[in-house]
Amino acid sequence: MPEPAKRLGILLGALLALGIAVPLIPVPTEWLYVGRIISSVLFVSIPIFAIYFAAMLGWTFARALTVFAISVVAFAALTYISRNVTPPYVVALFIAAFLQLGLLAWASSLGILIACGIRDKNLLLPICFVLAAVDIIAVLAPVGTVKRALESEKGKVAFDIVSFKVPQFGSAQPAAQIGPADFLFLSMFFAAIHRFGMRARETLLVIVPGLLIYLAIVLFFGDTTVFGIPLRALPALVPIGLLVLAVNWSEFKLSKQEKVMTAVLFLICVAAVWASFALPKKQTIAPANSPALIQSLRA
């Protein structure tokens, strides 16, 4: 068995065991803060290391597609069981832990599947710009799909189903939730970086502490608002893209025409982000019997 596969197996086994054990371990109230830090470090760093070693394996389009299909079916089946059966608490923790692995599997294999279609490492440059812009618009902008979805009950339920949970000691409630897109694009970047012989190890050693700091800001300063933006809603694809670019900048060899096209795309992304915040919101007409309309008529 290849060494990366062995390390991947160890990491997934550790993630499974910790996912079951952490909610069962009681922590005194005065240690909850420290416990949250420990669980955050474990449940952010282990999946990233797992994705790194998974991306080193000999992937083809067919293999990635097969893993994606199997993991989606397994994840859907476990999700159905978890939402329609009420097992004992420990059994529920087992199901939740396997769900975490299933989510990580389908998100990562989909990212590797996308990476199989990237034929030139220079394409990673515009991909970073586009992903960062899309994530900012989707998460923060008034017109953003994620922002609007999380404002509804159905959207919150859907996000809860497909999000990766960071458990906290002695509690069934997660300390934080991570969207599958973060793992998807991390695996895409690592698979492409490995395939093109770029700075994979250096990228890993920067990504892990970078995202840990990012999560710490969300966890401990989430109620703080900066320029009208709550820190709990920071989009993670922005630092991922920036860190990938920063570490691998010297690997990109662009022609003059490619530099111009990349610069134009960057400006388009900046303009799209600006427009998503600057454009006026659509005014909705309240129903005739709504309290808001009645109050405005009385005024």
C-alpha atoms as a PDB file:
ATOM      1  CA  MET A   1       0.000   0.000   0.000  1.00  0.00           C
ATOM      2  CA  PRO A   2       1.391   3.451  -0.895  1.00  0.00           C
ATOM      3  CA  GLU A   3       2.564   5.557   2.041  1.00  0.00           C
ATOM      4  CA  PRO A   4       0.029   8.374   1.353  1.00  0.00           C
ATOM      5  CA  ALA A   5      -2.788   5.792   1.479  1.00  0.00           C
ATOM      6  CA  LYS A   6      -1.571   4.509   4.866  1.00  0.00           C
ATOM      7  CA  ARG A   7      -1.432   8.023   6.266  1.00  0.00           C
ATOM      8  CA  LEU A   8      -4.859   8.786   4.828  1.00  0.00           C
ATOM      9  CA  GLY A   9      -6.290   5.688   6.539  1.00  0.00           C
ATOM     10  CA  ILE A  10      -4.776   6.682   9.895  1.00  0.00           C
ATOM     11  CA  LEU A  11      -6.157  10.212   9.626  1.00  0.00           C
ATOM     12  CA  LEU A  12      -9.659   9.047   8.675  1.00  0.00           C
ATOM     13  CA  GLY A  13      -9.627   6.516  11.530  1.00  0.00           C
ATOM     14  CA  ALA A  14      -8.588   9.258  13.954  1.00  0.00           C
ATOM     15  CA  LEU A  15     -11.298  11.570  12.627  1.00  0.00           C
ATOM     16  CA  LEU A  16     -13.915   8.844  13.065  1.00  0.00           C
ATOM     17  CA  ALA A  17     -12.782   7.988  16.602  1.00  0.00           C
ATOM     18  CA  LEU A  18     -12.606  11.619  17.687  1.00  0.00           C
ATOM     19  CA  GLY A  19     -16.012  12.369  16.183  1.00  0.00           C
ATOM     20  CA  ILE A  20     -17.510   9.703  18.448  1.00  0.00           C
ATOM     21  CA  ALA A  21     -15.412  10.389  21.544  1.00  0.00           C
ATOM     22  CA  VAL A  22     -15.321  14.195  21.793  1.00  0.00           C
ATOM     23  CA  PRO A  23     -19.075  14.734  22.460  1.00  0.00           C
ATOM     24  CA  LEU A  24     -18.914  11.994  25.130  1.00  0.00           C
ATOM     25  CA  ILE A  25     -16.033  13.540  27.085  1.00  0.00           C
ATOM     26  CA  PRO A  26     -17.349  15.969  29.735  1.00  0.00           C
ATOM     27  CA  VAL A  27     -15.371  19.141  30.287  1.00  0.00           C
ATOM     28  CA  PRO A  28     -15.707  21.473  33.312  1.00  0.00           C
ATOM     29  CA  THR A  29     -17.255  24.819  32.493  1.00  0.00           C
ATOM     30  CA  GLU A  30     -13.997  26.673  33.114  1.00  0.00           C
ATOM     31  CA  TRP A  31     -12.289  24.485  30.512  1.00  0.00           C
ATOM     32  CA  LEU A  32     -14.884  24.847  27.742  1.00  0.00           C
ATOM     33  CA  TYR A  33     -12.877  27.627  26.102  1.00  0.00           C
ATOM     34  CA  VAL A  34      -9.738  25.472  25.952  1.00  0.00           C
ATOM     35  CA  GLY A  35     -11.783  22.477  24.824  1.00  0.00           C
ATOM     36  CA  ARG A  36     -13.227  24.441  21.939  1.00  0.00           C
ATOM     37  CA  ILE A  37      -9.729  25.436  20.821  1.00  0.00           C
ATOM     38  CA  ILE A  38      -8.520  21.808  20.968  1.00  0.00           C
ATOM     39  CA  SER A  39     -11.499  20.445  19.026  1.00  0.00           C
ATOM     40  CA  SER A  40     -11.183  23.211  16.426  1.00  0.00           C
ATOM     41  CA  VAL A  41      -7.502  22.422  15.852  1.00  0.00           C
ATOM     42  CA  LEU A  42      -8.230  18.702  15.511  1.00  0.00           C
ATOM     43  CA  PHE A  43     -11.286  18.915  13.269  1.00  0.00           C
ATOM     44  CA  VAL A  44      -9.812  21.502  10.931  1.00  0.00           C
ATOM     45  CA  SER A  45      -6.261  20.204  10.594  1.00  0.00           C
ATOM     46  CA  ILE A  46      -7.027  16.462  10.293  1.00  0.00           C
ATOM     47  CA  PRO A  47      -9.384  16.828   7.278  1.00  0.00           C
ATOM     48  CA  ILE A  48      -6.883  19.132   5.534  1.00  0.00           C
ATOM     49  CA  PHE A  49      -4.040  16.644   6.052  1.00  0.00           C
ATOM     50  CA  ALA A  50      -6.347  13.853   4.861  1.00  0.00           C
ATOM     51  CA  ILE A  51      -7.197  15.797   1.704  1.00  0.00           C
ATOM     52  CA  TYR A  52      -3.486  16.478   1.128  1.00  0.00           C
ATOM     53  CA  PHE A  53      -2.559  12.776   1.254  1.00  0.00           C
ATOM     54  CA  ALA A  54      -5.658  11.730  -0.721  1.00  0.00           C
ATOM     55  CA  ALA A  55      -4.658  14.130  -3.497  1.00  0.00           C
ATOM     56  CA  MET A  56      -1.273  12.370  -3.764  1.00  0.00           C
ATOM     57  CA  LEU A  57      -2.851   9.090  -4.889  1.00  0.00           C
ATOM     58  CA  GLY A  58      -2.941   8.134  -8.556  1.00  0.00           C
ATOM     59  CA  TRP A  59      -6.246   9.647  -9.572  1.00  0.00           C
ATOM     60  CA  THR A  60      -7.909   9.352 -12.947  1.00  0.00           C
ATOM     61  CA  PHE A  61     -11.229  10.811 -14.001  1.00  0.00           C
ATOM     62  CA  ALA A  62     -12.882   7.360 -13.789  1.00  0.00           C
ATOM     63  CA  ARG A  63     -11.529   6.636 -10.286  1.00  0.00           C
ATOM     64  CA  ALA A  64     -12.572  10.029  -8.953  1.00  0.00           C
ATOM     65  CA  LEU A  65     -16.038   9.641 -10.483  1.00  0.00           C
ATOM     66  CA  THR A  66     -16.447   6.176  -8.939  1.00  0.00           C
ATOM     67  CA  VAL A  67     -15.462   7.375  -5.448  1.00  0.00           C
ATOM     68  CA  PHE A  68     -17.749  10.394  -5.823  1.00  0.00           C
ATOM     69  CA  ALA A  69     -20.750   8.256  -6.832  1.00  0.00           C
ATOM     70  CA  ILE A  70     -20.244   5.722  -4.016  1.00  0.00           C
ATOM     71  CA  SER A  71     -19.707   8.401  -1.365  1.00  0.00           C
ATOM     72  CA  VAL A  72     -22.777  10.381  -2.470  1.00  0.00           C
ATOM     73  CA  VAL A  73     -24.969   7.272  -2.182  1.00  0.00           C
ATOM     74  CA  ALA A  74     -23.498   6.406   1.228  1.00  0.00           C
ATOM     75  CA  PHE A  75     -23.907   9.994   2.458  1.00  0.00           C
ATOM     76  CA  ALA A  76     -27.516  10.149   1.248  1.00  0.00           C
ATOM     77  CA  ALA A  77     -28.364   6.836   2.930  1.00  0.00           C
ATOM     78  CA  LEU A  78     -26.785   7.861   6.244  1.00  0.00           C
ATOM     79  CA  THR A  79     -28.510  11.247   6.079  1.00  0.00           C
ATOM     80  CA  TYR A  80     -31.881   9.552   5.566  1.00  0.00           C
ATOM     81  CA  ILE A  81     -31.261   7.252   8.538  1.00  0.00           C
ATOM     82  CA  SER A  82     -30.105  10.076  10.790  1.00  0.00           C
ATOM     83  CA  ARG A  83     -33.169  12.189  10.038  1.00  0.00           C
ATOM     84  CA  ASN A  84     -35.794   9.432  10.186  1.00  0.00           C
ATOM     85  CA  VAL A  85     -34.563   7.146  12.958  1.00  0.00           C
ATOM     86  CA  THR A  86     -33.994   8.022  16.619  1.00  0.00           C
ATOM     87  CA  PRO A  87     -31.288   5.624  17.813  1.00  0.00           C
ATOM     88  CA  PRO A  88     -29.535   5.662  21.228  1.00  0.00           C
ATOM     89  CA  TYR A  89     -27.194   8.609  21.729  1.00  0.00           C
ATOM     90  CA  VAL A  90     -23.973   6.627  21.196  1.00  0.00           C
ATOM     91  CA  VAL A  91     -25.330   5.056  17.998  1.00  0.00           C
ATOM     92  CA  ALA A  92     -26.328   8.509  16.770  1.00  0.00           C
ATOM     93  CA  LEU A  93     -22.738   9.647  17.368  1.00  0.00           C
ATOM     94  CA  PHE A  94     -21.459   6.737  15.268  1.00  0.00           C
ATOM     95  CA  ILE A  95     -23.814   7.698  12.430  1.00  0.00           C
ATOM     96  CA  ALA A  96     -22.813  11.370  12.696  1.00  0.00           C
ATOM     97  CA  ALA A  97     -19.108  10.460  12.610  1.00  0.00           C
ATOM     98  CA  PHE A  98     -19.552   8.313   9.495  1.00  0.00           C
ATOM     99  CA  LEU A  99     -21.589  11.131   7.944  1.00  0.00           C
ATOM    100  CA  GLN A 100     -18.572  13.411   8.440  1.00  0.00           C
ATOM    101  CA  LEU A 101     -16.391  10.949   6.539  1.00  0.00           C
ATOM    102  CA  GLY A 102     -19.002  10.609   3.803  1.00  0.00           C
ATOM    103  CA  LEU A 103     -19.216  14.367   3.364  1.00  0.00           C
ATOM    104  CA  LEU A 104     -15.437  14.658   3.264  1.00  0.00           C
ATOM    105  CA  ALA A 105     -15.296  11.833   0.698  1.00  0.00           C
ATOM    106  CA  TRP A 106     -17.820  13.217  -1.781  1.00  0.00           C
ATOM    107  CA  ALA A 107     -16.623  16.818  -1.489  1.00  0.00           C
ATOM    108  CA  SER A 108     -12.966  15.821  -1.920  1.00  0.00           C
ATOM    109  CA  SER A 109     -13.581  13.388  -4.772  1.00  0.00           C
ATOM    110  CA  LEU A 110     -15.627  16.030  -6.586  1.00  0.00           C
ATOM    111  CA  GLY A 111     -12.749  18.478  -6.164  1.00  0.00           C
ATOM    112  CA  ILE A 112     -10.293  15.909  -7.539  1.00  0.00           C
ATOM    113  CA  LEU A 113     -12.715  15.244 -10.394  1.00  0.00           C
ATOM    114  CA  ILE A 114     -12.612  18.948 -11.278  1.00  0.00           C
ATOM    115  CA  ALA A 115      -8.808  18.973 -10.985  1.00  0.00           C
ATOM    116  CA  CYS A 116      -8.606  16.164 -13.549  1.00  0.00           C
ATOM    117  CA  GLY A 117     -10.007  18.625 -16.093  1.00  0.00           C
ATOM    118  CA  ILE A 118      -7.395  21.331 -15.411  1.00  0.00           C
ATOM    119  CA  ARG A 119      -4.792  20.974 -18.174  1.00  0.00           C
ATOM    120  CA  ASP A 120      -2.530  23.913 -17.362  1.00  0.00           C
ATOM    121  CA  LYS A 121      -1.278  25.073 -13.969  1.00  0.00           C
ATOM    122  CA  ASN A 122      -1.625  28.694 -15.081  1.00  0.00           C
ATOM    123  CA  LEU A 123      -5.398  28.188 -14.967  1.00  0.00           C
ATOM    124  CA  LEU A 124      -5.196  28.036 -11.174  1.00  0.00           C
ATOM    125  CA  LEU A 125      -4.520  31.773 -11.150  1.00  0.00           C
ATOM    126  CA  PRO A 126      -7.869  32.884 -12.641  1.00  0.00           C
ATOM    127  CA  ILE A 127      -9.645  30.083 -10.759  1.00  0.00           C
ATOM    128  CA  CYS A 128      -8.490  31.620  -7.461  1.00  0.00           C
ATOM    129  CA  PHE A 129      -9.833  35.044  -8.473  1.00  0.00           C
ATOM    130  CA  VAL A 130     -13.208  33.695  -9.587  1.00  0.00           C
ATOM    131  CA  LEU A 131     -13.684  31.457  -6.528  1.00  0.00           C
ATOM    132  CA  ALA A 132     -12.853  34.290  -4.126  1.00  0.00           C
ATOM    133  CA  ALA A 133     -15.291  36.647  -5.881  1.00  0.00           C
ATOM    134  CA  VAL A 134     -18.083  34.054  -6.030  1.00  0.00           C
ATOM    135  CA  ASP A 135     -17.610  33.165  -2.353  1.00  0.00           C
ATOM    136  CA  ILE A 136     -17.710  36.799  -1.239  1.00  0.00           C
ATOM    137  CA  ILE A 137     -20.865  37.458  -3.255  1.00  0.00           C
ATOM    138  CA  ALA A 138     -22.588  34.227  -2.195  1.00  0.00           C
ATOM    139  CA  VAL A 139     -21.816  34.558   1.526  1.00  0.00           C
ATOM    140  CA  LEU A 140     -21.742  38.301   2.233  1.00  0.00           C
ATOM    141  CA  ALA A 141     -23.568  40.245  -0.468  1.00  0.00           C
ATOM    142  CA  PRO A 142     -27.286  41.066  -0.019  1.00  0.00           C
ATOM    143  CA  VAL A 143     -28.024  39.186  -3.258  1.00  0.00           C
ATOM    144  CA  GLY A 144     -25.871  36.213  -2.247  1.00  0.00           C
ATOM    145  CA  THR A 145     -27.492  32.786  -2.484  1.00  0.00           C
ATOM    146  CA  VAL A 146     -25.880  31.463   0.704  1.00  0.00           C
ATOM    147  CA  LYS A 147     -26.725  34.596   2.691  1.00  0.00           C
ATOM    148  CA  ARG A 148     -30.349  34.518   1.556  1.00  0.00           C
ATOM    149  CA  ALA A 149     -30.669  30.760   2.045  1.00  0.00           C
ATOM    150  CA  LEU A 150     -29.402  30.920   5.634  1.00  0.00           C
ATOM    151  CA  GLU A 151     -32.028  33.533   6.398  1.00  0.00           C
ATOM    152  CA  SER A 152     -34.745  30.903   5.845  1.00  0.00           C
ATOM    153  CA  GLU A 153     -35.497  27.827   7.936  1.00  0.00           C
ATOM    154  CA  LYS A 154     -35.255  25.482   4.942  1.00  0.00           C
ATOM    155  CA  GLY A 155     -31.895  26.964   4.019  1.00  0.00           C
ATOM    156  CA  LYS A 156     -30.584  26.480   7.548  1.00  0.00           C
ATOM    157  CA  VAL A 157     -31.744  22.852   7.547  1.00  0.00           C
ATOM    158  CA  ALA A 158     -30.096  22.215   4.173  1.00  0.00           C
ATOM    159  CA  PHE A 159     -26.821  23.758   5.326  1.00  0.00           C
ATOM    160  CA  ASP A 160     -26.937  21.727   8.517  1.00  0.00           C
ATOM    161  CA  ILE A 161     -27.249  18.528   6.467  1.00  0.00           C
ATOM    162  CA  VAL A 162     -24.297  19.221   4.147  1.00  0.00           C
ATOM    163  CA  SER A 163     -21.983  21.001   6.587  1.00  0.00           C
ATOM    164  CA  PHE A 164     -18.979  19.509   8.356  1.00  0.00           C
ATOM    165  CA  LYS A 165     -19.391  19.852  12.120  1.00  0.00           C
ATOM    166  CA  VAL A 166     -16.637  20.782  14.543  1.00  0.00           C
ATOM    167  CA  PRO A 167     -17.728  18.932  17.726  1.00  0.00           C
ATOM    168  CA  GLN A 168     -17.254  20.312  21.189  1.00  0.00           C
ATOM    169  CA  PHE A 169     -16.461  18.330  24.316  1.00  0.00           C
ATOM    170  CA  GLY A 170     -19.436  16.994  26.243  1.00  0.00           C
ATOM    171  CA  SER A 171     -22.057  18.379  23.884  1.00  0.00           C
ATOM    172  CA  ALA A 172     -24.037  17.194  20.874  1.00  0.00           C
ATOM    173  CA  GLN A 173     -24.102  20.758  19.542  1.00  0.00           C
ATOM    174  CA  PRO A 174     -21.236  21.611  17.164  1.00  0.00           C
ATOM    175  CA  ALA A 175     -18.843  24.428  17.975  1.00  0.00           C
ATOM    176  CA  ALA A 176     -18.764  25.444  14.299  1.00  0.00           C
ATOM    177  CA  GLN A 177     -19.854  24.282  10.863  1.00  0.00           C
ATOM    178  CA  ILE A 178     -17.788  24.232   7.656  1.00  0.00           C
ATOM    179  CA  GLY A 179     -19.383  24.229   4.206  1.00  0.00           C
ATOM    180  CA  PRO A 180     -18.485  21.397   1.782  1.00  0.00           C
ATOM    181  CA  ALA A 181     -17.203  23.892  -0.817  1.00  0.00           C
ATOM    182  CA  ASP A 182     -14.131  24.555   1.329  1.00  0.00           C
ATOM    183  CA  PHE A 183     -13.104  20.887   1.259  1.00  0.00           C
ATOM    184  CA  LEU A 184     -14.093  20.568  -2.397  1.00  0.00           C
ATOM    185  CA  PHE A 185     -11.797  23.340  -3.561  1.00  0.00           C
ATOM    186  CA  LEU A 186      -9.006  22.445  -1.150  1.00  0.00           C
ATOM    187  CA  SER A 187      -8.911  18.992  -2.736  1.00  0.00           C
ATOM    188  CA  MET A 188      -9.043  20.531  -6.211  1.00  0.00           C
ATOM    189  CA  PHE A 189      -6.072  22.780  -5.444  1.00  0.00           C
ATOM    190  CA  PHE A 190      -4.021  20.028  -3.784  1.00  0.00           C
ATOM    191  CA  ALA A 191      -4.734  17.535  -6.584  1.00  0.00           C
ATOM    192  CA  ALA A 192      -3.699  20.083  -9.223  1.00  0.00           C
ATOM    193  CA  ILE A 193      -0.651  21.228  -7.240  1.00  0.00           C
ATOM    194  CA  HIS A 194       0.542  17.621  -6.836  1.00  0.00           C
ATOM    195  CA  ARG A 195      -0.070  16.808 -10.500  1.00  0.00           C
ATOM    196  CA  PHE A 196       1.815  19.843 -11.783  1.00  0.00           C
ATOM    197  CA  GLY A 197       4.702  19.404  -9.334  1.00  0.00           C
ATOM    198  CA  MET A 198       4.092  22.721  -7.597  1.00  0.00           C
ATOM    199  CA  ARG A 199       4.818  23.652  -3.957  1.00  0.00           C
ATOM    200  CA  ALA A 200       2.460  21.135  -2.346  1.00  0.00           C
ATOM    201  CA  ARG A 201       4.143  20.673   1.052  1.00  0.00           C
ATOM    202  CA  GLU A 202       4.701  24.410   1.487  1.00  0.00           C
ATOM    203  CA  THR A 203       1.055  25.051   0.600  1.00  0.00           C
ATOM    204  CA  LEU A 204      -0.085  22.546   3.235  1.00  0.00           C
ATOM    205  CA  LEU A 205       2.092  24.101   5.937  1.00  0.00           C
ATOM    206  CA  VAL A 206       0.583  27.521   5.228  1.00  0.00           C
ATOM    207  CA  ILE A 207      -3.034  26.459   4.650  1.00  0.00           C
ATOM    208  CA  VAL A 208      -3.426  24.621   7.977  1.00  0.00           C
ATOM    209  CA  PRO A 209      -2.422  27.474  10.343  1.00  0.00           C
ATOM    210  CA  GLY A 210      -4.098  30.014   8.053  1.00  0.00           C
ATOM    211  CA  LEU A 211      -7.486  28.296   8.267  1.00  0.00           C
ATOM    212  CA  LEU A 212      -7.070  27.635  11.989  1.00  0.00           C
ATOM    213  CA  ILE A 213      -6.592  31.359  12.570  1.00  0.00           C
ATOM    214  CA  TYR A 214      -9.573  32.017  10.314  1.00  0.00           C
ATOM    215  CA  LEU A 215     -11.770  29.614  12.289  1.00  0.00           C
ATOM    216  CA  ALA A 216     -10.576  31.107  15.588  1.00  0.00           C
ATOM    217  CA  ILE A 217     -11.753  34.530  14.401  1.00  0.00           C
ATOM    218  CA  VAL A 218     -15.165  33.075  13.534  1.00  0.00           C
ATOM    219  CA  LEU A 219     -15.474  31.161  16.809  1.00  0.00           C
ATOM    220  CA  PHE A 220     -14.288  33.760  19.282  1.00  0.00           C
ATOM    221  CA  PHE A 221     -15.066  37.050  17.510  1.00  0.00           C
ATOM    222  CA  GLY A 222     -18.113  35.975  15.505  1.00  0.00           C
ATOM    223  CA  ASP A 223     -20.369  38.572  17.125  1.00  0.00           C
ATOM    224  CA  THR A 224     -18.028  41.407  16.130  1.00  0.00           C
ATOM    225  CA  THR A 225     -18.956  43.412  13.040  1.00  0.00           C
ATOM    226  CA  VAL A 226     -16.332  45.035  10.792  1.00  0.00           C
ATOM    227  CA  PHE A 227     -17.557  47.448   8.083  1.00  0.00           C
ATOM    228  CA  GLY A 228     -21.032  45.996   8.558  1.00  0.00           C
ATOM    229  CA  ILE A 229     -19.817  42.411   8.046  1.00  0.00           C
ATOM    230  CA  PRO A 230     -20.234  39.932  10.949  1.00  0.00           C
ATOM    231  CA  LEU A 231     -17.016  37.979  11.440  1.00  0.00           C
ATOM    232  CA  ARG A 232     -18.986  34.759  11.882  1.00  0.00           C
ATOM    233  CA  ALA A 233     -19.867  34.895   8.173  1.00  0.00           C
ATOM    234  CA  LEU A 234     -16.387  35.221   6.683  1.00  0.00           C
ATOM    235  CA  PRO A 235     -16.016  33.281   3.385  1.00  0.00           C
ATOM    236  CA  ALA A 236     -13.233  30.679   3.669  1.00  0.00           C
ATOM    237  CA  LEU A 237     -12.446  30.371  -0.053  1.00  0.00           C
ATOM    238  CA  VAL A 238     -10.891  33.840   0.036  1.00  0.00           C
ATOM    239  CA  PRO A 239      -7.968  32.920   2.324  1.00  0.00           C
ATOM    240  CA  ILE A 240      -7.644  29.509   0.645  1.00  0.00           C
ATOM    241  CA  GLY A 241      -7.213  31.128  -2.767  1.00  0.00           C
ATOM    242  CA  LEU A 242      -4.908  33.854  -1.460  1.00  0.00           C
ATOM    243  CA  LEU A 243      -2.661  31.363   0.351  1.00  0.00           C
ATOM    244  CA  VAL A 244      -2.454  29.077  -2.686  1.00  0.00           C
ATOM    245  CA  LEU A 245      -1.451  32.048  -4.826  1.00  0.00           C
ATOM    246  CA  ALA A 246       1.037  33.403  -2.292  1.00  0.00           C
ATOM    247  CA  VAL A 247       2.899  30.115  -1.918  1.00  0.00           C
ATOM    248  CA  ASN A 248       2.859  29.125  -5.599  1.00  0.00           C
ATOM    249  CA  TRP A 249       3.217  32.552  -7.236  1.00  0.00           C
ATOM    250  CA  SER A 250       6.639  31.744  -8.699  1.00  0.00           C
ATOM    251  CA  GLU A 251       5.199  28.626 -10.371  1.00  0.00           C
ATOM    252  CA  PHE A 252       3.007  30.594 -12.745  1.00  0.00           C
ATOM    253  CA  LYS A 253       4.629  31.413 -16.096  1.00  0.00           C
ATOM    254  CA  LEU A 254       2.272  33.604 -18.093  1.00  0.00           C
ATOM    255  CA  SER A 255       2.716  34.967 -21.575  1.00  0.00           C
ATOM    256  CA  LYS A 256       2.058  38.655 -22.174  1.00  0.00           C
ATOM    257  CA  GLN A 257      -1.396  37.902 -23.549  1.00  0.00           C
ATOM    258  CA  GLU A 258      -2.219  35.644 -20.578  1.00  0.00           C
ATOM    259  CA  LYS A 259      -1.137  38.383 -18.163  1.00  0.00           C
ATOM    260  CA  VAL A 260      -3.478  40.858 -19.844  1.00  0.00           C
ATOM    261  CA  MET A 261      -6.376  38.387 -19.818  1.00  0.00           C
ATOM    262  CA  THR A 262      -5.739  37.527 -16.161  1.00  0.00           C
ATOM    263  CA  ALA A 263      -5.641  41.221 -15.213  1.00  0.00           C
ATOM    264  CA  VAL A 264      -8.922  41.830 -17.057  1.00  0.00           C
ATOM    265  CA  LEU A 265     -10.536  38.872 -15.290  1.00  0.00           C
ATOM    266  CA  PHE A 266      -9.318  40.163 -11.933  1.00  0.00           C
ATOM    267  CA  LEU A 267     -10.894  43.572 -12.614  1.00  0.00           C
ATOM    268  CA  ILE A 268     -14.138  41.892 -13.679  1.00  0.00           C
ATOM    269  CA  CYS A 269     -14.202  39.951 -10.395  1.00  0.00           C
ATOM    270  CA  VAL A 270     -13.580  43.142  -8.399  1.00  0.00           C
ATOM    271  CA  ALA A 271     -16.363  44.918 -10.323  1.00  0.00           C
ATOM    272  CA  ALA A 272     -18.758  42.015  -9.738  1.00  0.00           C
ATOM    273  CA  VAL A 273     -18.096  42.081  -5.992  1.00  0.00           C
ATOM    274  CA  TRP A 274     -18.541  45.864  -5.871  1.00  0.00           C
ATOM    275  CA  ALA A 275     -21.784  45.690  -7.868  1.00  0.00           C
ATOM    276  CA  SER A 276     -23.207  42.952  -5.624  1.00  0.00           C
ATOM    277  CA  PHE A 277     -22.934  45.309  -2.640  1.00  0.00           C
ATOM    278  CA  ALA A 278     -23.585  48.633  -4.381  1.00  0.00           C
ATOM    279  CA  LEU A 279     -26.708  47.800  -6.376  1.00  0.00           C
ATOM    280  CA  PRO A 280     -29.942  48.784  -4.590  1.00  0.00           C
ATOM    281  CA  LYS A 281     -31.974  46.019  -3.033  1.00  0.00           C
ATOM    282  CA  LYS A 282     -35.302  45.159  -4.572  1.00  0.00           C
ATOM    283  CA  GLN A 283     -38.208  46.472  -2.549  1.00  0.00           C
ATOM    284  CA  THR A 284     -40.781  43.831  -1.726  1.00  0.00           C
ATOM    285  CA  ILE A 285     -44.462  44.746  -1.483  1.00  0.00           C
ATOM    286  CA  ALA A 286     -45.962  43.629   1.801  1.00  0.00           C
ATOM    287  CA  PRO A 287     -49.297  41.785   1.788  1.00  0.00           C
ATOM    288  CA  ALA A 288     -52.373  43.939   2.404  1.00  0.00           C
ATOM    289  CA  ASN A 289     -52.839  42.519   5.915  1.00  0.00           C
ATOM    290  CA  SER A 290     -49.213  42.665   6.985  1.00  0.00           C
ATOM    291  CA  PRO A 291     -48.367  44.602  10.193  1.00  0.00           C
ATOM    292  CA  ALA A 292     -45.580  46.465   8.374  1.00  0.00           C
ATOM    293  CA  LEU A 293     -47.976  47.812   5.742  1.00  0.00           C
ATOM    294  CA  ILE A 294     -50.615  48.653   8.333  1.00  0.00           C
ATOM    295  CA  GLN A 295     -48.052  50.529  10.406  1.00  0.00           C
ATOM    296  CA  SER A 296     -46.851  52.496   7.364  1.00  0.00           C
ATOM    297  CA  LEU A 297     -50.402  53.445   6.419  1.00  0.00           C
ATOM    298  CA  ARG A 298     -51.077  54.696   9.944  1.00  0.00           C
ATOM    299  CA  ALA A 299     -47.938  56.828   9.777  1.00  0.00           C
END
